[in-house]
């Protein structure tokens, strides 16, 4: 009888600690370093002069919020400048293709990128929950001041989280927000129609 009481007490203590940690995690902020990696899809732009520019047209610099016990939880936001992080990722990717990366004034091809949205949305139900990440960017290819190609690229990642309480770990959030941004940027290099118009 005494053993049963001890077991129950330990179980209650563990559950209480777990619930407290989840609740605390729900309301802390995640400040994440943004450094996406772009897959060039083995694309070759060897010898081509390409300039690019990045504009940020998002409504908010934050990505979203976790889900708390009583509604909206802590913010998820970048520690660094998102457009600059995208610029650095694109410069690295273009150099990997063999392109000559130029300033926007001197390149014969200008890739203009506008970040439309980067969203982190937690959701919860009675017995389940999860996190959905989405990114949308608009891309224009410009020759001599004239737009010759334009397209929107989107990317989505989604994963389950127990009731979404506290969402995912900070490491998971960092990897997957960077990942979904990189997924959208990688679609620039997988687009054969865009590549065909780069002179």
C-alpha atoms as a PDB file:
ATOM      1  CA  UNK A   1       0.000   0.000   0.000  1.00  0.00           C
ATOM      2  CA  UNK A   2       2.790   2.396   0.930  1.00  0.00           C
ATOM      3  CA  UNK A   3       4.599   1.605  -2.333  1.00  0.00           C
ATOM      4  CA  UNK A   4       1.474   2.454  -4.325  1.00  0.00           C
ATOM      5  CA  UNK A   5       1.190   5.791  -2.557  1.00  0.00           C
ATOM      6  CA  UNK A   6       4.866   6.553  -3.261  1.00  0.00           C
ATOM      7  CA  UNK A   7       4.477   5.601  -6.945  1.00  0.00           C
ATOM      8  CA  UNK A   8       1.407   7.816  -7.292  1.00  0.00           C
ATOM      9  CA  UNK A   9       3.173  10.706  -5.598  1.00  0.00           C
ATOM     10  CA  UNK A  10       6.176  10.398  -7.897  1.00  0.00           C
ATOM     11  CA  UNK A  11       3.905  10.171 -10.945  1.00  0.00           C
ATOM     12  CA  UNK A  12       1.990  13.302  -9.919  1.00  0.00           C
ATOM     13  CA  UNK A  13       5.264  15.153  -9.291  1.00  0.00           C
ATOM     14  CA  UNK A  14       6.659  14.189 -12.727  1.00  0.00           C
ATOM     15  CA  UNK A  15       3.438  15.194 -14.494  1.00  0.00           C
ATOM     16  CA  UNK A  16       3.359  18.503 -12.640  1.00  0.00           C
ATOM     17  CA  UNK A  17       6.964  19.264 -13.562  1.00  0.00           C
ATOM     18  CA  UNK A  18       6.315  18.342 -17.222  1.00  0.00           C
ATOM     19  CA  UNK A  19       3.237  20.573 -17.357  1.00  0.00           C
ATOM     20  CA  UNK A  20       5.132  23.447 -15.735  1.00  0.00           C
ATOM     21  CA  UNK A  21       7.991  23.132 -18.222  1.00  0.00           C
ATOM     22  CA  UNK A  22       5.539  23.072 -21.150  1.00  0.00           C
ATOM     23  CA  UNK A  23       3.739  26.121 -19.808  1.00  0.00           C
ATOM     24  CA  UNK A  24       7.001  27.990 -19.281  1.00  0.00           C
ATOM     25  CA  UNK A  25       8.202  27.038 -22.765  1.00  0.00           C
ATOM     26  CA  UNK A  26       4.903  28.301 -24.202  1.00  0.00           C
ATOM     27  CA  UNK A  27       5.489  31.854 -23.042  1.00  0.00           C
ATOM     28  CA  UNK A  28       9.231  32.326 -23.548  1.00  0.00           C
ATOM     29  CA  UNK A  29      10.431  34.002 -26.731  1.00  0.00           C
ATOM     30  CA  UNK A  30      12.591  32.222 -29.292  1.00  0.00           C
ATOM     31  CA  UNK A  31      15.086  34.636 -30.854  1.00  0.00           C
ATOM     32  CA  UNK A  32      16.587  32.743 -33.786  1.00  0.00           C
ATOM     33  CA  UNK A  33      19.650  33.270 -35.981  1.00  0.00           C
ATOM     34  CA  UNK A  34      18.567  33.301 -39.614  1.00  0.00           C
ATOM     35  CA  UNK A  35      21.075  31.721 -41.987  1.00  0.00           C
ATOM     36  CA  UNK A  36      19.318  29.729 -44.718  1.00  0.00           C
ATOM     37  CA  UNK A  37      21.098  27.303 -47.026  1.00  0.00           C
ATOM     38  CA  UNK A  38      20.143  27.295 -50.710  1.00  0.00           C
ATOM     39  CA  UNK A  39      20.260  24.194 -52.913  1.00  0.00           C
ATOM     40  CA  UNK A  40      21.443  25.270 -56.375  1.00  0.00           C
ATOM     41  CA  UNK A  41      20.218  21.977 -57.910  1.00  0.00           C
ATOM     42  CA  UNK A  42      23.620  21.679 -59.648  1.00  0.00           C
ATOM     43  CA  UNK A  43      22.605  24.624 -61.828  1.00  0.00           C
ATOM     44  CA  UNK A  44      25.432  26.214 -63.830  1.00  0.00           C
ATOM     45  CA  UNK A  45      25.500  29.928 -64.592  1.00  0.00           C
ATOM     46  CA  UNK A  46      29.227  29.838 -65.336  1.00  0.00           C
ATOM     47  CA  UNK A  47      30.504  33.155 -66.659  1.00  0.00           C
ATOM     48  CA  UNK A  48      27.094  34.881 -66.529  1.00  0.00           C
ATOM     49  CA  UNK A  49      26.854  38.294 -64.907  1.00  0.00           C
ATOM     50  CA  UNK A  50      24.064  38.235 -62.350  1.00  0.00           C
ATOM     51  CA  UNK A  51      23.076  40.922 -59.903  1.00  0.00           C
ATOM     52  CA  UNK A  52      20.391  40.547 -57.263  1.00  0.00           C
ATOM     53  CA  UNK A  53      18.533  42.615 -54.713  1.00  0.00           C
ATOM     54  CA  UNK A  54      16.329  41.702 -51.771  1.00  0.00           C
ATOM     55  CA  UNK A  55      13.337  43.639 -50.436  1.00  0.00           C
ATOM     56  CA  UNK A  56      11.286  42.809 -47.348  1.00  0.00           C
ATOM     57  CA  UNK A  57       7.519  43.297 -47.719  1.00  0.00           C
ATOM     58  CA  UNK A  58       6.388  41.377 -44.642  1.00  0.00           C
ATOM     59  CA  UNK A  59       3.810  42.889 -42.311  1.00  0.00           C
ATOM     60  CA  UNK A  60       5.908  42.041 -39.250  1.00  0.00           C
ATOM     61  CA  UNK A  61       9.527  41.211 -38.531  1.00  0.00           C
ATOM     62  CA  UNK A  62       8.427  38.396 -36.211  1.00  0.00           C
ATOM     63  CA  UNK A  63       7.473  34.981 -37.607  1.00  0.00           C
ATOM     64  CA  UNK A  64       4.585  34.165 -35.293  1.00  0.00           C
ATOM     65  CA  UNK A  65       3.797  32.930 -31.806  1.00  0.00           C
ATOM     66  CA  UNK A  66       3.762  29.713 -29.866  1.00  0.00           C
ATOM     67  CA  UNK A  67       0.519  28.356 -28.459  1.00  0.00           C
ATOM     68  CA  UNK A  68       0.041  28.800 -24.729  1.00  0.00           C
ATOM     69  CA  UNK A  69      -2.401  27.253 -22.269  1.00  0.00           C
ATOM     70  CA  UNK A  70      -4.683  30.251 -22.588  1.00  0.00           C
ATOM     71  CA  UNK A  71      -4.115  31.357 -26.165  1.00  0.00           C
ATOM     72  CA  UNK A  72      -1.197  33.153 -27.771  1.00  0.00           C
ATOM     73  CA  UNK A  73       2.247  32.258 -26.430  1.00  0.00           C
ATOM     74  CA  UNK A  74       5.736  33.723 -26.789  1.00  0.00           C
ATOM     75  CA  UNK A  75       6.975  35.355 -29.967  1.00  0.00           C
ATOM     76  CA  UNK A  76       9.319  33.718 -32.461  1.00  0.00           C
ATOM     77  CA  UNK A  77      11.554  36.355 -34.009  1.00  0.00           C
ATOM     78  CA  UNK A  78      14.911  36.768 -35.798  1.00  0.00           C
ATOM     79  CA  UNK A  79      18.098  37.748 -33.990  1.00  0.00           C
ATOM     80  CA  UNK A  80      19.542  39.250 -37.178  1.00  0.00           C
ATOM     81  CA  UNK A  81      18.345  41.119 -40.259  1.00  0.00           C
ATOM     82  CA  UNK A  82      16.335  38.728 -42.465  1.00  0.00           C
ATOM     83  CA  UNK A  83      16.898  40.471 -45.856  1.00  0.00           C
ATOM     84  CA  UNK A  84      20.648  40.554 -45.214  1.00  0.00           C
ATOM     85  CA  UNK A  85      20.591  36.837 -44.351  1.00  0.00           C
ATOM     86  CA  UNK A  86      18.753  36.127 -47.626  1.00  0.00           C
ATOM     87  CA  UNK A  87      21.252  38.287 -49.550  1.00  0.00           C
ATOM     88  CA  UNK A  88      24.169  36.354 -48.078  1.00  0.00           C
ATOM     89  CA  UNK A  89      22.534  33.000 -48.888  1.00  0.00           C
ATOM     90  CA  UNK A  90      21.830  34.066 -52.484  1.00  0.00           C
ATOM     91  CA  UNK A  91      25.349  35.419 -53.002  1.00  0.00           C
ATOM     92  CA  UNK A  92      26.827  32.116 -51.823  1.00  0.00           C
ATOM     93  CA  UNK A  93      24.449  30.103 -54.027  1.00  0.00           C
ATOM     94  CA  UNK A  94      25.109  32.171 -57.161  1.00  0.00           C
ATOM     95  CA  UNK A  95      28.860  31.901 -56.644  1.00  0.00           C
ATOM     96  CA  UNK A  96      28.449  28.108 -56.403  1.00  0.00           C
ATOM     97  CA  UNK A  97      26.842  28.121 -59.867  1.00  0.00           C
ATOM     98  CA  UNK A  98      29.907  29.876 -61.315  1.00  0.00           C
ATOM     99  CA  UNK A  99      28.076  33.155 -61.902  1.00  0.00           C
ATOM    100  CA  UNK A 100      29.845  36.498 -61.660  1.00  0.00           C
ATOM    101  CA  UNK A 101      27.906  38.208 -58.878  1.00  0.00           C
ATOM    102  CA  UNK A 102      27.652  41.915 -59.675  1.00  0.00           C
ATOM    103  CA  UNK A 103      26.195  44.989 -58.031  1.00  0.00           C
ATOM    104  CA  UNK A 104      22.597  45.737 -59.045  1.00  0.00           C
ATOM    105  CA  UNK A 105      23.815  48.571 -61.287  1.00  0.00           C
ATOM    106  CA  UNK A 106      26.318  46.567 -63.309  1.00  0.00           C
ATOM    107  CA  UNK A 107      24.804  43.110 -63.803  1.00  0.00           C
ATOM    108  CA  UNK A 108      23.315  42.221 -67.177  1.00  0.00           C
ATOM    109  CA  UNK A 109      20.760  40.047 -65.311  1.00  0.00           C
ATOM    110  CA  UNK A 110      19.040  41.378 -62.196  1.00  0.00           C
ATOM    111  CA  UNK A 111      17.186  38.954 -59.941  1.00  0.00           C
ATOM    112  CA  UNK A 112      14.858  40.987 -57.716  1.00  0.00           C
ATOM    113  CA  UNK A 113      13.581  39.098 -54.674  1.00  0.00           C
ATOM    114  CA  UNK A 114      10.733  40.358 -52.492  1.00  0.00           C
ATOM    115  CA  UNK A 115      10.060  38.497 -49.237  1.00  0.00           C
ATOM    116  CA  UNK A 116       6.272  38.392 -48.925  1.00  0.00           C
ATOM    117  CA  UNK A 117       5.892  36.237 -45.838  1.00  0.00           C
ATOM    118  CA  UNK A 118       7.671  33.935 -43.396  1.00  0.00           C
ATOM    119  CA  UNK A 119       5.116  32.498 -40.989  1.00  0.00           C
ATOM    120  CA  UNK A 120       5.208  30.176 -37.993  1.00  0.00           C
ATOM    121  CA  UNK A 121       1.738  29.011 -36.950  1.00  0.00           C
ATOM    122  CA  UNK A 122       1.087  26.736 -34.011  1.00  0.00           C
ATOM    123  CA  UNK A 123      -2.305  25.080 -33.676  1.00  0.00           C
ATOM    124  CA  UNK A 124      -3.921  22.832 -31.121  1.00  0.00           C
ATOM    125  CA  UNK A 125      -6.937  20.586 -30.868  1.00  0.00           C
ATOM    126  CA  UNK A 126      -8.466  18.417 -28.169  1.00  0.00           C
ATOM    127  CA  UNK A 127      -6.039  15.535 -28.703  1.00  0.00           C
ATOM    128  CA  UNK A 128      -3.456  16.867 -31.130  1.00  0.00           C
ATOM    129  CA  UNK A 129      -1.517  19.906 -32.235  1.00  0.00           C
ATOM    130  CA  UNK A 130       1.286  20.972 -34.493  1.00  0.00           C
ATOM    131  CA  UNK A 131       3.314  23.661 -36.182  1.00  0.00           C
ATOM    132  CA  UNK A 132       3.066  24.864 -39.787  1.00  0.00           C
ATOM    133  CA  UNK A 133       5.811  26.956 -41.401  1.00  0.00           C
ATOM    134  CA  UNK A 134       5.334  28.802 -44.689  1.00  0.00           C
ATOM    135  CA  UNK A 135       7.442  31.125 -46.832  1.00  0.00           C
ATOM    136  CA  UNK A 136       6.463  33.095 -49.939  1.00  0.00           C
ATOM    137  CA  UNK A 137       8.799  35.151 -52.130  1.00  0.00           C
ATOM    138  CA  UNK A 138       8.237  37.025 -55.374  1.00  0.00           C
ATOM    139  CA  UNK A 139      11.049  36.948 -57.923  1.00  0.00           C
ATOM    140  CA  UNK A 140      11.524  39.121 -61.015  1.00  0.00           C
ATOM    141  CA  UNK A 141      14.226  38.764 -63.645  1.00  0.00           C
ATOM    142  CA  UNK A 142      15.040  42.158 -65.135  1.00  0.00           C
ATOM    143  CA  UNK A 143      17.053  42.997 -68.275  1.00  0.00           C
ATOM    144  CA  UNK A 144      17.875  46.664 -68.951  1.00  0.00           C
ATOM    145  CA  UNK A 145      15.075  47.846 -66.697  1.00  0.00           C
ATOM    146  CA  UNK A 146      12.458  45.525 -68.251  1.00  0.00           C
ATOM    147  CA  UNK A 147      10.925  42.588 -66.394  1.00  0.00           C
ATOM    148  CA  UNK A 148      11.280  39.499 -68.583  1.00  0.00           C
ATOM    149  CA  UNK A 149      10.114  36.883 -66.078  1.00  0.00           C
ATOM    150  CA  UNK A 150       8.197  36.926 -62.808  1.00  0.00           C
ATOM    151  CA  UNK A 151       7.032  34.216 -60.445  1.00  0.00           C
ATOM    152  CA  UNK A 152       6.054  33.545 -56.843  1.00  0.00           C
ATOM    153  CA  UNK A 153       7.749  30.674 -55.014  1.00  0.00           C
ATOM    154  CA  UNK A 154       6.313  29.161 -51.848  1.00  0.00           C
ATOM    155  CA  UNK A 155       7.468  26.506 -49.408  1.00  0.00           C
ATOM    156  CA  UNK A 156       5.788  24.716 -46.493  1.00  0.00           C
ATOM    157  CA  UNK A 157       6.914  22.526 -43.616  1.00  0.00           C
ATOM    158  CA  UNK A 158       4.666  20.979 -40.989  1.00  0.00           C
ATOM    159  CA  UNK A 159       5.173  18.779 -37.935  1.00  0.00           C
ATOM    160  CA  UNK A 160       3.160  17.476 -35.022  1.00  0.00           C
ATOM    161  CA  UNK A 161       3.645  18.735 -31.485  1.00  0.00           C
ATOM    162  CA  UNK A 162       1.743  17.470 -28.474  1.00  0.00           C
ATOM    163  CA  UNK A 163      -1.124  19.955 -28.254  1.00  0.00           C
ATOM    164  CA  UNK A 164       1.469  22.440 -29.626  1.00  0.00           C
ATOM    165  CA  UNK A 165       2.078  23.457 -26.014  1.00  0.00           C
ATOM    166  CA  UNK A 166       5.419  25.225 -26.112  1.00  0.00           C
ATOM    167  CA  UNK A 167       5.687  24.320 -29.777  1.00  0.00           C
ATOM    168  CA  UNK A 168       8.936  22.740 -30.839  1.00  0.00           C
ATOM    169  CA  UNK A 169      12.394  23.204 -29.326  1.00  0.00           C
ATOM    170  CA  UNK A 170      14.371  26.319 -30.145  1.00  0.00           C
ATOM    171  CA  UNK A 171      16.789  24.176 -32.169  1.00  0.00           C
ATOM    172  CA  UNK A 172      13.931  22.676 -34.189  1.00  0.00           C
ATOM    173  CA  UNK A 173      12.448  26.117 -34.817  1.00  0.00           C
ATOM    174  CA  UNK A 174      15.821  27.486 -35.937  1.00  0.00           C
ATOM    175  CA  UNK A 175      16.529  24.595 -38.302  1.00  0.00           C
ATOM    176  CA  UNK A 176      13.079  24.553 -39.859  1.00  0.00           C
ATOM    177  CA  UNK A 177      12.505  28.285 -40.240  1.00  0.00           C
ATOM    178  CA  UNK A 178      15.887  28.471 -41.971  1.00  0.00           C
ATOM    179  CA  UNK A 179      14.898  25.346 -43.879  1.00  0.00           C
ATOM    180  CA  UNK A 180      11.602  26.684 -45.198  1.00  0.00           C
ATOM    181  CA  UNK A 181      13.276  29.936 -46.294  1.00  0.00           C
ATOM    182  CA  UNK A 182      15.990  27.910 -48.038  1.00  0.00           C
ATOM    183  CA  UNK A 183      13.341  25.710 -49.689  1.00  0.00           C
ATOM    184  CA  UNK A 184      11.680  28.741 -51.284  1.00  0.00           C
ATOM    185  CA  UNK A 185      14.993  30.258 -52.432  1.00  0.00           C
ATOM    186  CA  UNK A 186      16.085  26.896 -53.884  1.00  0.00           C
ATOM    187  CA  UNK A 187      13.090  26.972 -56.223  1.00  0.00           C
ATOM    188  CA  UNK A 188      14.736  29.894 -58.046  1.00  0.00           C
ATOM    189  CA  UNK A 189      17.475  27.499 -59.152  1.00  0.00           C
ATOM    190  CA  UNK A 190      15.104  24.641 -60.020  1.00  0.00           C
ATOM    191  CA  UNK A 191      13.059  26.876 -62.356  1.00  0.00           C
ATOM    192  CA  UNK A 192      14.119  25.984 -65.919  1.00  0.00           C
ATOM    193  CA  UNK A 193      12.072  28.831 -67.411  1.00  0.00           C
ATOM    194  CA  UNK A 194      13.890  31.418 -65.310  1.00  0.00           C
ATOM    195  CA  UNK A 195      17.281  29.864 -66.058  1.00  0.00           C
ATOM    196  CA  UNK A 196      16.590  29.936 -69.792  1.00  0.00           C
ATOM    197  CA  UNK A 197      16.066  33.703 -69.687  1.00  0.00           C
ATOM    198  CA  UNK A 198      19.358  34.461 -67.932  1.00  0.00           C
ATOM    199  CA  UNK A 199      21.711  35.623 -70.678  1.00  0.00           C
END
